[in-house]
Amino acid sequence: MLFMDIMTWDKKDDMEIGKRYESWEYPKGYNEIASWSDLSSCRVFVVYELENAEAYANATFPWRDVIDCETIPVMNTEKAIEITTKLMSQ
């Protein structure tokens, strides 16, 4: 299943975020698909697939002191329409 994280932080933490990110590697089981930086604020969007809950915990725990993370389950729109159509016809 795919997820999207919206990660935000206080601008006072910019230097700390940058320092940590330089050496950051996603943990095993956390497969990043794409990421985007919001050029107007302190925010990043990451789309990824997880192999297990432990991978999610390993990816988010080290950042909890400086980043607020909102996790949203997402799906390709065509697939979502296919599933919704199927459910509505039952």
N, C-alpha and C. Protein backbone atom coordinates (compact mmCIF):
# COMPACT_ATOMS: atom_id res chain seq x y z
N MET A 1 0.85 -1.18 0.00
CA MET A 1 0.00 0.00 0.00
C MET A 1 0.88 1.23 0.00
N LEU A 2 0.39 2.27 -0.67
CA LEU A 2 1.13 3.52 -0.76
C LEU A 2 0.69 4.50 0.33
N PHE A 3 1.65 5.29 0.76
CA PHE A 3 1.40 6.33 1.75
C PHE A 3 2.07 7.62 1.30
N MET A 4 1.53 8.75 1.78
CA MET A 4 2.18 10.03 1.57
C MET A 4 2.35 10.68 2.94
N ASP A 5 3.55 11.12 3.20
CA ASP A 5 3.80 11.90 4.42
C ASP A 5 3.93 13.36 4.05
N ILE A 6 3.31 14.20 4.84
CA ILE A 6 3.52 15.64 4.77
C ILE A 6 4.28 15.99 6.04
N MET A 7 5.53 16.36 5.86
CA MET A 7 6.40 16.66 7.00
C MET A 7 6.65 18.15 7.08
N THR A 8 6.39 18.71 8.25
CA THR A 8 6.58 20.14 8.46
C THR A 8 7.47 20.36 9.67
N TRP A 9 8.13 21.52 9.69
CA TRP A 9 8.99 21.85 10.82
C TRP A 9 9.07 23.36 10.98
N ASP A 10 9.54 23.77 12.11
CA ASP A 10 9.73 25.18 12.42
C ASP A 10 11.01 25.65 11.72
N LYS A 11 10.97 26.86 11.16
CA LYS A 11 12.14 27.36 10.43
C LYS A 11 13.39 27.45 11.29
N LYS A 12 13.23 27.54 12.61
CA LYS A 12 14.40 27.57 13.48
C LYS A 12 15.18 26.26 13.43
N ASP A 13 14.52 25.19 12.96
CA ASP A 13 15.16 23.87 12.89
C ASP A 13 15.74 23.55 11.52
N ASP A 14 15.73 24.51 10.59
CA ASP A 14 16.24 24.28 9.24
C ASP A 14 17.66 23.69 9.23
N MET A 15 18.54 24.25 10.00
CA MET A 15 19.94 23.79 9.99
C MET A 15 20.04 22.36 10.53
N GLU A 16 19.30 22.06 11.57
CA GLU A 16 19.32 20.71 12.14
C GLU A 16 18.74 19.70 11.15
N ILE A 17 17.65 20.07 10.48
CA ILE A 17 17.04 19.20 9.48
C ILE A 17 18.05 18.92 8.36
N GLY A 18 18.68 19.96 7.86
CA GLY A 18 19.66 19.80 6.78
C GLY A 18 20.83 18.92 7.19
N LYS A 19 21.32 19.12 8.39
CA LYS A 19 22.45 18.32 8.90
C LYS A 19 22.08 16.84 8.96
N ARG A 20 20.91 16.54 9.49
CA ARG A 20 20.48 15.14 9.60
C ARG A 20 20.22 14.53 8.22
N TYR A 21 19.62 15.32 7.33
CA TYR A 21 19.24 14.78 6.02
C TYR A 21 20.46 14.40 5.18
N GLU A 22 21.58 15.12 5.38
CA GLU A 22 22.80 14.83 4.62
C GLU A 22 23.24 13.38 4.76
N SER A 23 23.03 12.79 5.92
CA SER A 23 23.47 11.41 6.15
C SER A 23 22.30 10.42 6.25
N TRP A 24 21.09 10.88 5.95
CA TRP A 24 19.90 10.05 6.11
C TRP A 24 19.79 8.97 5.03
N GLU A 25 19.43 7.79 5.45
CA GLU A 25 19.08 6.70 4.54
C GLU A 25 17.79 6.07 5.05
N TYR A 26 16.85 5.84 4.14
CA TYR A 26 15.61 5.21 4.55
C TYR A 26 15.90 3.79 5.03
N PRO A 27 15.19 3.34 6.04
CA PRO A 27 15.42 1.99 6.56
C PRO A 27 14.90 0.91 5.59
N LYS A 28 15.39 -0.29 5.77
CA LYS A 28 14.94 -1.43 4.97
C LYS A 28 13.43 -1.58 5.14
N GLY A 29 12.75 -1.80 4.03
CA GLY A 29 11.30 -1.97 4.07
C GLY A 29 10.51 -0.70 3.82
N TYR A 30 11.21 0.44 3.75
CA TYR A 30 10.59 1.73 3.45
C TYR A 30 11.08 2.12 2.06
N ASN A 31 10.20 2.00 1.09
CA ASN A 31 10.60 2.20 -0.31
C ASN A 31 10.06 3.53 -0.83
N GLU A 32 10.94 4.53 -0.87
CA GLU A 32 10.55 5.85 -1.35
C GLU A 32 10.26 5.80 -2.84
N ILE A 33 9.14 6.38 -3.24
CA ILE A 33 8.76 6.45 -4.65
C ILE A 33 9.09 7.83 -5.21
N ALA A 34 8.76 8.86 -4.44
CA ALA A 34 9.03 10.23 -4.88
C ALA A 34 8.97 11.16 -3.67
N SER A 35 9.65 12.29 -3.79
CA SER A 35 9.57 13.32 -2.75
C SER A 35 9.66 14.69 -3.39
N TRP A 36 9.01 15.65 -2.74
CA TRP A 36 8.99 17.02 -3.23
C TRP A 36 9.18 17.96 -2.05
N SER A 37 9.90 19.03 -2.29
CA SER A 37 10.08 20.08 -1.28
C SER A 37 9.20 21.26 -1.62
N ASP A 38 8.52 21.78 -0.62
CA ASP A 38 7.71 22.99 -0.78
C ASP A 38 8.68 24.16 -0.70
N LEU A 39 8.85 24.86 -1.80
CA LEU A 39 9.82 25.96 -1.84
C LEU A 39 9.36 27.20 -1.09
N SER A 40 8.10 27.24 -0.69
CA SER A 40 7.58 28.42 -0.01
C SER A 40 7.54 28.29 1.50
N SER A 41 7.79 27.08 2.02
CA SER A 41 7.73 26.91 3.47
C SER A 41 8.57 25.71 3.90
N CYS A 42 8.50 25.39 5.16
CA CYS A 42 9.26 24.28 5.74
C CYS A 42 8.41 23.02 5.69
N ARG A 43 8.35 22.43 4.49
CA ARG A 43 7.47 21.28 4.29
C ARG A 43 8.02 20.40 3.17
N VAL A 44 7.88 19.08 3.37
CA VAL A 44 8.29 18.09 2.37
C VAL A 44 7.17 17.07 2.23
N PHE A 45 6.99 16.58 1.01
CA PHE A 45 6.00 15.53 0.72
C PHE A 45 6.76 14.30 0.24
N VAL A 46 6.46 13.14 0.80
CA VAL A 46 7.12 11.90 0.40
C VAL A 46 6.05 10.83 0.15
N VAL A 47 6.13 10.19 -1.01
CA VAL A 47 5.27 9.06 -1.33
C VAL A 47 6.12 7.81 -1.26
N TYR A 48 5.61 6.78 -0.59
CA TYR A 48 6.40 5.58 -0.37
C TYR A 48 5.50 4.37 -0.18
N GLU A 49 6.13 3.21 -0.24
CA GLU A 49 5.45 1.95 0.03
C GLU A 49 6.15 1.29 1.20
N LEU A 50 5.38 0.67 2.07
CA LEU A 50 5.95 0.03 3.26
C LEU A 50 5.84 -1.48 3.18
N GLU A 51 6.87 -2.15 3.66
CA GLU A 51 6.81 -3.60 3.77
C GLU A 51 6.22 -4.02 5.11
N ASN A 52 6.37 -3.15 6.14
CA ASN A 52 5.84 -3.48 7.46
C ASN A 52 5.82 -2.23 8.34
N ALA A 53 5.15 -2.33 9.46
CA ALA A 53 5.02 -1.20 10.38
C ALA A 53 6.35 -0.82 11.01
N GLU A 54 7.23 -1.79 11.19
CA GLU A 54 8.54 -1.50 11.77
C GLU A 54 9.34 -0.53 10.88
N ALA A 55 9.22 -0.69 9.57
CA ALA A 55 9.91 0.21 8.65
C ALA A 55 9.41 1.65 8.84
N TYR A 56 8.10 1.80 9.03
CA TYR A 56 7.54 3.13 9.26
C TYR A 56 8.09 3.73 10.55
N ALA A 57 8.09 2.94 11.61
CA ALA A 57 8.59 3.43 12.90
C ALA A 57 10.06 3.81 12.80
N ASN A 58 10.85 2.99 12.11
CA ASN A 58 12.28 3.28 11.96
C ASN A 58 12.54 4.53 11.13
N ALA A 59 11.63 4.84 10.23
CA ALA A 59 11.80 6.03 9.39
C ALA A 59 11.34 7.31 10.08
N THR A 60 10.34 7.21 10.94
CA THR A 60 9.79 8.42 11.55
C THR A 60 10.34 8.73 12.94
N PHE A 61 10.68 7.72 13.70
CA PHE A 61 11.11 7.93 15.08
C PHE A 61 12.30 8.90 15.21
N PRO A 62 13.33 8.77 14.39
CA PRO A 62 14.49 9.66 14.55
C PRO A 62 14.19 11.14 14.31
N TRP A 63 13.05 11.45 13.72
CA TRP A 63 12.72 12.83 13.37
C TRP A 63 11.67 13.46 14.29
N ARG A 64 11.11 12.69 15.21
CA ARG A 64 9.97 13.16 16.01
C ARG A 64 10.25 14.44 16.79
N ASP A 65 11.48 14.69 17.13
CA ASP A 65 11.78 15.88 17.94
C ASP A 65 11.82 17.17 17.12
N VAL A 66 11.90 17.06 15.78
CA VAL A 66 12.00 18.28 14.96
C VAL A 66 10.98 18.36 13.83
N ILE A 67 10.27 17.27 13.55
CA ILE A 67 9.33 17.26 12.43
C ILE A 67 7.96 16.76 12.88
N ASP A 68 6.91 17.42 12.39
CA ASP A 68 5.55 16.93 12.53
C ASP A 68 5.22 16.18 11.25
N CYS A 69 4.76 14.95 11.39
CA CYS A 69 4.52 14.09 10.24
C CYS A 69 3.06 13.68 10.17
N GLU A 70 2.42 14.03 9.06
CA GLU A 70 1.05 13.59 8.81
C GLU A 70 1.11 12.50 7.75
N THR A 71 0.63 11.31 8.07
CA THR A 71 0.69 10.17 7.15
C THR A 71 -0.70 9.90 6.58
N ILE A 72 -0.75 9.79 5.24
CA ILE A 72 -2.02 9.63 4.54
C ILE A 72 -1.92 8.42 3.60
N PRO A 73 -2.85 7.45 3.70
CA PRO A 73 -2.85 6.37 2.72
C PRO A 73 -3.33 6.93 1.38
N VAL A 74 -2.64 6.62 0.29
CA VAL A 74 -3.00 7.15 -1.02
C VAL A 74 -3.07 6.02 -2.05
N MET A 75 -3.74 6.33 -3.16
CA MET A 75 -3.90 5.35 -4.23
C MET A 75 -3.99 6.09 -5.55
N ASN A 76 -3.48 5.48 -6.61
CA ASN A 76 -3.63 6.01 -7.95
C ASN A 76 -5.11 6.26 -8.20
N THR A 77 -5.46 7.41 -8.78
CA THR A 77 -6.85 7.78 -8.95
C THR A 77 -7.62 6.78 -9.80
N GLU A 78 -7.01 6.28 -10.87
CA GLU A 78 -7.70 5.29 -11.70
C GLU A 78 -8.05 4.04 -10.90
N LYS A 79 -7.13 3.58 -10.07
CA LYS A 79 -7.37 2.41 -9.23
C LYS A 79 -8.47 2.70 -8.22
N ALA A 80 -8.45 3.89 -7.62
CA ALA A 80 -9.48 4.27 -6.64
C ALA A 80 -10.86 4.28 -7.29
N ILE A 81 -10.97 4.78 -8.52
CA ILE A 81 -12.25 4.80 -9.23
C ILE A 81 -12.70 3.38 -9.51
N GLU A 82 -11.77 2.52 -9.92
CA GLU A 82 -12.09 1.11 -10.19
C GLU A 82 -12.66 0.43 -8.94
N ILE A 83 -12.01 0.64 -7.81
CA ILE A 83 -12.46 0.03 -6.55
C ILE A 83 -13.81 0.60 -6.14
N THR A 84 -13.96 1.91 -6.23
CA THR A 84 -15.21 2.56 -5.84
C THR A 84 -16.38 2.08 -6.71
N THR A 85 -16.13 1.99 -8.00
CA THR A 85 -17.16 1.50 -8.92
C THR A 85 -17.57 0.08 -8.56
N LYS A 86 -16.61 -0.74 -8.27
CA LYS A 86 -16.88 -2.14 -7.89
C LYS A 86 -17.71 -2.19 -6.59
N LEU A 87 -17.32 -1.39 -5.60
CA LEU A 87 -18.05 -1.37 -4.34
C LEU A 87 -19.48 -0.87 -4.49
N MET A 88 -19.66 0.12 -5.34
CA MET A 88 -20.99 0.70 -5.55
C MET A 88 -21.92 -0.26 -6.28
N SER A 89 -21.36 -1.18 -7.05
CA SER A 89 -22.20 -2.11 -7.82
C SER A 89 -22.61 -3.34 -7.00
N GLN A 90 -22.11 -3.44 -5.81
CA GLN A 90 -22.43 -4.61 -4.96
C GLN A 90 -23.74 -4.41 -4.23
